[in-house]
Amino acid sequence: MAKAKRAKEEQIAIEASSGNVFEDLGLLDAGERLAKAELARVIRNIVKDKNWTQRRAADVLGVAPPDVSDLMRGKLARFSQERLERFLNALGMDVHIRVGPRAAGKKQASVTVELVAAF
């Protein structure tokens, strides 16, 4: 009981997120890490929506099933952003890259991935 009461009384500091968990954690190449994670998320969702096995996804993506396993579990160290973009192309998705100036007041420029219905 005393432990629960003590925990309740402790103040917890809350910080606003930058919108990029990798940046919030102070990791290098935070923008690129976030872009890869978002691209992988889109790939995972497509594979899941199609109810494909990892073997079927591997055939379509042109990789070995263990690579698909890593991709589905978010283990992205061996996947470049370019490779993830090629996977999306293999899944019938166009990938468009837009470049523009950093927003006023932002400390760092960012990389954003957005899934759209059509271009």
N, C-alpha and C. Protein backbone atom coordinates (compact mmCIF):
# COMPACT_ATOMS: atom_id res chain seq x y z
N MET A 1 0.81 -1.20 0.00
CA MET A 1 0.00 0.00 0.00
C MET A 1 0.85 1.26 0.00
N ALA A 2 1.86 1.28 0.86
CA ALA A 2 2.71 2.47 0.96
C ALA A 2 3.39 2.77 -0.37
N LYS A 3 3.77 1.71 -1.09
CA LYS A 3 4.43 1.88 -2.39
C LYS A 3 3.49 2.54 -3.40
N ALA A 4 2.24 2.12 -3.44
CA ALA A 4 1.26 2.69 -4.36
C ALA A 4 1.00 4.15 -4.02
N LYS A 5 0.92 4.47 -2.72
CA LYS A 5 0.68 5.85 -2.31
C LYS A 5 1.85 6.74 -2.70
N ARG A 6 3.08 6.22 -2.51
CA ARG A 6 4.27 6.98 -2.88
C ARG A 6 4.30 7.25 -4.38
N ALA A 7 3.97 6.23 -5.17
CA ALA A 7 3.97 6.39 -6.63
C ALA A 7 2.94 7.42 -7.06
N LYS A 8 1.81 7.44 -6.38
CA LYS A 8 0.76 8.38 -6.73
C LYS A 8 1.19 9.82 -6.46
N GLU A 9 1.98 10.03 -5.41
CA GLU A 9 2.40 11.35 -5.03
C GLU A 9 3.57 11.90 -5.85
N GLU A 10 4.31 11.00 -6.52
CA GLU A 10 5.47 11.44 -7.31
C GLU A 10 5.01 12.23 -8.52
N GLN A 11 5.75 13.26 -8.84
CA GLN A 11 5.45 14.07 -10.01
C GLN A 11 6.12 13.43 -11.23
N ILE A 12 5.40 13.34 -12.29
CA ILE A 12 5.93 12.78 -13.53
C ILE A 12 6.06 13.92 -14.53
N ALA A 13 7.28 14.10 -15.04
CA ALA A 13 7.52 15.14 -16.04
C ALA A 13 7.04 14.64 -17.40
N ILE A 14 6.28 15.46 -18.07
CA ILE A 14 5.77 15.11 -19.39
C ILE A 14 6.33 16.11 -20.39
N GLU A 15 6.92 15.57 -21.45
CA GLU A 15 7.48 16.41 -22.50
C GLU A 15 6.65 16.23 -23.76
N ALA A 16 6.46 17.30 -24.48
CA ALA A 16 5.76 17.21 -25.76
C ALA A 16 6.67 16.50 -26.76
N SER A 17 6.09 15.66 -27.59
CA SER A 17 6.86 14.94 -28.61
C SER A 17 7.15 15.86 -29.79
N SER A 18 8.25 15.60 -30.42
CA SER A 18 8.59 16.33 -31.65
C SER A 18 7.79 15.79 -32.83
N GLY A 19 7.15 14.64 -32.63
CA GLY A 19 6.46 13.96 -33.73
C GLY A 19 7.31 12.86 -34.32
N ASN A 20 8.54 12.75 -33.86
CA ASN A 20 9.45 11.71 -34.33
C ASN A 20 10.07 11.05 -33.11
N VAL A 21 9.65 9.84 -32.83
CA VAL A 21 10.13 9.14 -31.65
C VAL A 21 11.64 8.95 -31.67
N PHE A 22 12.21 8.77 -32.85
CA PHE A 22 13.66 8.59 -32.97
C PHE A 22 14.40 9.86 -32.59
N GLU A 23 13.84 11.00 -32.96
CA GLU A 23 14.43 12.29 -32.57
C GLU A 23 14.28 12.48 -31.06
N ASP A 24 13.12 12.13 -30.53
CA ASP A 24 12.89 12.27 -29.09
C ASP A 24 13.86 11.42 -28.29
N LEU A 25 14.28 10.29 -28.85
CA LEU A 25 15.23 9.41 -28.18
C LEU A 25 16.68 9.84 -28.42
N GLY A 26 16.87 10.87 -29.25
CA GLY A 26 18.21 11.38 -29.52
C GLY A 26 19.03 10.51 -30.45
N LEU A 27 18.37 9.71 -31.27
CA LEU A 27 19.08 8.82 -32.20
C LEU A 27 19.53 9.58 -33.45
N LEU A 28 20.66 9.16 -33.98
CA LEU A 28 21.17 9.75 -35.22
C LEU A 28 20.25 9.41 -36.38
N ASP A 29 20.23 10.24 -37.38
CA ASP A 29 19.43 10.02 -38.59
C ASP A 29 17.96 9.77 -38.26
N ALA A 30 17.42 10.55 -37.35
CA ALA A 30 16.05 10.34 -36.88
C ALA A 30 15.03 10.44 -38.01
N GLY A 31 15.21 11.39 -38.91
CA GLY A 31 14.27 11.54 -40.03
C GLY A 31 14.27 10.34 -40.94
N GLU A 32 15.46 9.84 -41.25
CA GLU A 32 15.56 8.67 -42.11
C GLU A 32 14.99 7.43 -41.43
N ARG A 33 15.23 7.31 -40.13
CA ARG A 33 14.69 6.16 -39.38
C ARG A 33 13.16 6.18 -39.39
N LEU A 34 12.60 7.37 -39.20
CA LEU A 34 11.14 7.49 -39.21
C LEU A 34 10.59 7.18 -40.59
N ALA A 35 11.23 7.67 -41.63
CA ALA A 35 10.76 7.39 -42.99
C ALA A 35 10.78 5.90 -43.27
N LYS A 36 11.85 5.22 -42.90
CA LYS A 36 11.92 3.77 -43.10
C LYS A 36 10.83 3.05 -42.31
N ALA A 37 10.61 3.48 -41.09
CA ALA A 37 9.57 2.85 -40.27
C ALA A 37 8.19 3.04 -40.89
N GLU A 38 7.93 4.22 -41.40
CA GLU A 38 6.63 4.49 -42.02
C GLU A 38 6.46 3.70 -43.33
N LEU A 39 7.51 3.62 -44.14
CA LEU A 39 7.44 2.83 -45.37
C LEU A 39 7.19 1.36 -45.03
N ALA A 40 7.88 0.86 -44.03
CA ALA A 40 7.71 -0.54 -43.61
C ALA A 40 6.29 -0.77 -43.10
N ARG A 41 5.75 0.21 -42.39
CA ARG A 41 4.37 0.09 -41.89
C ARG A 41 3.38 -0.05 -43.04
N VAL A 42 3.57 0.75 -44.08
CA VAL A 42 2.69 0.66 -45.25
C VAL A 42 2.82 -0.71 -45.90
N ILE A 43 4.04 -1.20 -46.05
CA ILE A 43 4.26 -2.53 -46.65
C ILE A 43 3.57 -3.60 -45.81
N ARG A 44 3.77 -3.55 -44.49
CA ARG A 44 3.14 -4.53 -43.59
C ARG A 44 1.63 -4.51 -43.75
N ASN A 45 1.05 -3.31 -43.78
CA ASN A 45 -0.41 -3.20 -43.91
C ASN A 45 -0.90 -3.79 -45.22
N ILE A 46 -0.18 -3.55 -46.30
CA ILE A 46 -0.58 -4.11 -47.60
C ILE A 46 -0.54 -5.63 -47.55
N VAL A 47 0.54 -6.18 -47.03
CA VAL A 47 0.68 -7.64 -46.93
C VAL A 47 -0.43 -8.23 -46.06
N LYS A 48 -0.72 -7.58 -44.94
CA LYS A 48 -1.78 -8.06 -44.05
C LYS A 48 -3.15 -7.95 -44.70
N ASP A 49 -3.41 -6.82 -45.39
CA ASP A 49 -4.70 -6.62 -46.05
C ASP A 49 -4.95 -7.66 -47.13
N LYS A 50 -3.88 -8.12 -47.77
CA LYS A 50 -4.00 -9.13 -48.82
C LYS A 50 -4.04 -10.55 -48.24
N ASN A 51 -3.87 -10.65 -46.90
CA ASN A 51 -3.84 -11.95 -46.22
C ASN A 51 -2.79 -12.89 -46.81
N TRP A 52 -1.66 -12.32 -47.19
CA TRP A 52 -0.58 -13.12 -47.74
C TRP A 52 0.23 -13.80 -46.64
N THR A 53 0.75 -14.96 -46.97
CA THR A 53 1.74 -15.58 -46.10
C THR A 53 3.06 -14.85 -46.32
N GLN A 54 3.99 -15.08 -45.42
CA GLN A 54 5.30 -14.46 -45.62
C GLN A 54 5.97 -15.03 -46.86
N ARG A 55 5.72 -16.28 -47.19
CA ARG A 55 6.29 -16.88 -48.40
C ARG A 55 5.75 -16.19 -49.65
N ARG A 56 4.44 -15.92 -49.67
CA ARG A 56 3.83 -15.24 -50.82
C ARG A 56 4.40 -13.82 -50.94
N ALA A 57 4.49 -13.12 -49.82
CA ALA A 57 5.05 -11.77 -49.84
C ALA A 57 6.50 -11.79 -50.31
N ALA A 58 7.26 -12.78 -49.87
CA ALA A 58 8.66 -12.90 -50.28
C ALA A 58 8.75 -13.09 -51.79
N ASP A 59 7.87 -13.90 -52.37
CA ASP A 59 7.86 -14.12 -53.82
C ASP A 59 7.59 -12.81 -54.57
N VAL A 60 6.60 -12.06 -54.10
CA VAL A 60 6.24 -10.80 -54.76
C VAL A 60 7.36 -9.76 -54.61
N LEU A 61 7.97 -9.70 -53.43
CA LEU A 61 9.01 -8.70 -53.17
C LEU A 61 10.38 -9.12 -53.71
N GLY A 62 10.52 -10.39 -54.06
CA GLY A 62 11.80 -10.87 -54.58
C GLY A 62 12.86 -11.04 -53.51
N VAL A 63 12.45 -11.43 -52.31
CA VAL A 63 13.37 -11.63 -51.20
C VAL A 63 13.11 -12.99 -50.56
N ALA A 64 13.95 -13.37 -49.63
CA ALA A 64 13.78 -14.62 -48.89
C ALA A 64 12.74 -14.42 -47.78
N PRO A 65 12.02 -15.48 -47.41
CA PRO A 65 11.03 -15.36 -46.33
C PRO A 65 11.59 -14.78 -45.02
N PRO A 66 12.83 -15.11 -44.63
CA PRO A 66 13.34 -14.48 -43.40
C PRO A 66 13.43 -12.94 -43.49
N ASP A 67 13.66 -12.43 -44.71
CA ASP A 67 13.68 -10.98 -44.89
C ASP A 67 12.28 -10.40 -44.63
N VAL A 68 11.26 -11.09 -45.11
CA VAL A 68 9.88 -10.64 -44.88
C VAL A 68 9.58 -10.70 -43.39
N SER A 69 10.04 -11.73 -42.73
CA SER A 69 9.84 -11.85 -41.28
C SER A 69 10.44 -10.64 -40.56
N ASP A 70 11.67 -10.28 -40.91
CA ASP A 70 12.31 -9.11 -40.30
C ASP A 70 11.51 -7.84 -40.59
N LEU A 71 11.07 -7.69 -41.83
CA LEU A 71 10.30 -6.52 -42.23
C LEU A 71 9.00 -6.43 -41.44
N MET A 72 8.31 -7.53 -41.30
CA MET A 72 7.03 -7.55 -40.60
C MET A 72 7.20 -7.27 -39.10
N ARG A 73 8.36 -7.59 -38.56
CA ARG A 73 8.61 -7.36 -37.13
C ARG A 73 9.33 -6.03 -36.86
N GLY A 74 9.53 -5.24 -37.93
CA GLY A 74 10.14 -3.92 -37.74
C GLY A 74 11.64 -3.93 -37.58
N LYS A 75 12.29 -5.03 -37.93
CA LYS A 75 13.74 -5.10 -37.89
C LYS A 75 14.25 -4.56 -39.23
N LEU A 76 14.58 -3.30 -39.27
CA LEU A 76 14.81 -2.61 -40.54
C LEU A 76 16.26 -2.27 -40.83
N ALA A 77 17.19 -2.71 -40.00
CA ALA A 77 18.59 -2.32 -40.16
C ALA A 77 19.15 -2.73 -41.52
N ARG A 78 18.71 -3.85 -42.06
CA ARG A 78 19.25 -4.33 -43.34
C ARG A 78 18.50 -3.78 -44.55
N PHE A 79 17.51 -2.93 -44.32
CA PHE A 79 16.70 -2.41 -45.42
C PHE A 79 16.97 -0.91 -45.59
N SER A 80 17.40 -0.53 -46.79
CA SER A 80 17.57 0.89 -47.07
C SER A 80 16.21 1.48 -47.43
N GLN A 81 16.12 2.79 -47.38
CA GLN A 81 14.88 3.44 -47.79
C GLN A 81 14.58 3.12 -49.26
N GLU A 82 15.61 3.12 -50.07
CA GLU A 82 15.44 2.81 -51.50
C GLU A 82 14.87 1.40 -51.70
N ARG A 83 15.37 0.45 -50.93
CA ARG A 83 14.88 -0.93 -51.04
C ARG A 83 13.41 -1.02 -50.62
N LEU A 84 13.04 -0.32 -49.57
CA LEU A 84 11.64 -0.31 -49.14
C LEU A 84 10.76 0.31 -50.21
N GLU A 85 11.26 1.35 -50.88
CA GLU A 85 10.51 1.97 -51.97
C GLU A 85 10.33 0.98 -53.12
N ARG A 86 11.36 0.18 -53.42
CA ARG A 86 11.23 -0.84 -54.47
C ARG A 86 10.20 -1.89 -54.08
N PHE A 87 10.15 -2.25 -52.80
CA PHE A 87 9.13 -3.19 -52.33
C PHE A 87 7.73 -2.63 -52.58
N LEU A 88 7.55 -1.35 -52.30
CA LEU A 88 6.25 -0.73 -52.54
C LEU A 88 5.90 -0.76 -54.02
N ASN A 89 6.89 -0.51 -54.87
CA ASN A 89 6.65 -0.61 -56.32
C ASN A 89 6.22 -2.02 -56.70
N ALA A 90 6.87 -3.02 -56.12
CA ALA A 90 6.53 -4.41 -56.40
C ALA A 90 5.10 -4.74 -55.94
N LEU A 91 4.62 -4.00 -54.95
CA LEU A 91 3.26 -4.18 -54.45
C LEU A 91 2.25 -3.34 -55.22
N GLY A 92 2.71 -2.70 -56.30
CA GLY A 92 1.82 -1.91 -57.14
C GLY A 92 1.58 -0.49 -56.64
N MET A 93 2.45 -0.01 -55.78
CA MET A 93 2.31 1.34 -55.23
C MET A 93 3.31 2.29 -55.88
N ASP A 94 2.84 3.47 -56.26
CA ASP A 94 3.73 4.53 -56.71
C ASP A 94 4.30 5.20 -55.47
N VAL A 95 5.54 5.62 -55.55
CA VAL A 95 6.17 6.36 -54.46
C VAL A 95 6.56 7.72 -55.03
N HIS A 96 6.03 8.79 -54.44
CA HIS A 96 6.37 10.15 -54.86
C HIS A 96 7.13 10.80 -53.72
N ILE A 97 8.19 11.50 -54.04
CA ILE A 97 8.97 12.22 -53.05
C ILE A 97 8.82 13.70 -53.33
N ARG A 98 8.40 14.44 -52.30
CA ARG A 98 8.24 15.90 -52.42
C ARG A 98 9.27 16.56 -51.52
N VAL A 99 9.87 17.62 -52.01
CA VAL A 99 10.89 18.33 -51.26
C VAL A 99 10.48 19.79 -51.15
N GLY A 100 10.60 20.35 -49.96
CA GLY A 100 10.26 21.75 -49.75
C GLY A 100 11.05 22.32 -48.59
N PRO A 101 11.00 23.63 -48.40
CA PRO A 101 11.75 24.25 -47.31
C PRO A 101 11.20 23.86 -45.94
N ARG A 102 12.08 23.84 -44.97
CA ARG A 102 11.70 23.55 -43.59
C ARG A 102 10.72 24.62 -43.11
N ALA A 103 9.74 24.20 -42.35
CA ALA A 103 8.75 25.13 -41.81
C ALA A 103 9.41 26.10 -40.84
N ALA A 104 8.95 27.34 -40.85
CA ALA A 104 9.48 28.36 -39.93
C ALA A 104 9.28 27.90 -38.50
N GLY A 105 10.29 28.08 -37.70
CA GLY A 105 10.19 27.72 -36.29
C GLY A 105 10.60 26.29 -35.98
N LYS A 106 10.77 25.45 -36.99
CA LYS A 106 11.21 24.07 -36.75
C LYS A 106 12.72 24.04 -36.64
N LYS A 107 13.23 23.29 -35.65
CA LYS A 107 14.68 23.18 -35.46
C LYS A 107 15.33 22.42 -36.60
N GLN A 108 14.72 21.32 -36.98
CA GLN A 108 15.31 20.46 -38.00
C GLN A 108 14.31 20.19 -39.11
N ALA A 109 14.83 19.98 -40.30
CA ALA A 109 13.98 19.53 -41.40
C ALA A 109 13.60 18.09 -41.14
N SER A 110 12.55 17.61 -41.78
CA SER A 110 12.08 16.26 -41.50
C SER A 110 11.78 15.50 -42.78
N VAL A 111 11.55 14.22 -42.63
CA VAL A 111 11.13 13.35 -43.71
C VAL A 111 9.79 12.77 -43.29
N THR A 112 8.80 12.85 -44.16
CA THR A 112 7.46 12.38 -43.83
C THR A 112 6.99 11.39 -44.89
N VAL A 113 6.32 10.34 -44.45
CA VAL A 113 5.72 9.36 -45.35
C VAL A 113 4.22 9.42 -45.14
N GLU A 114 3.47 9.54 -46.23
CA GLU A 114 2.02 9.65 -46.14
C GLU A 114 1.41 8.70 -47.19
N LEU A 115 0.49 7.86 -46.76
CA LEU A 115 -0.23 6.98 -47.67
C LEU A 115 -1.44 7.72 -48.19
N VAL A 116 -1.58 7.81 -49.52
CA VAL A 116 -2.71 8.49 -50.12
C VAL A 116 -3.48 7.52 -50.99
N ALA A 117 -4.73 7.83 -51.23
CA ALA A 117 -5.58 6.95 -52.05
C ALA A 117 -5.17 6.99 -53.52
N ALA A 118 -4.78 8.17 -54.00
CA ALA A 118 -4.37 8.31 -55.40
C ALA A 118 -3.58 9.60 -55.55
N PHE A 119 -2.79 9.66 -56.63
CA PHE A 119 -2.04 10.87 -56.95
C PHE A 119 -2.77 11.64 -58.02
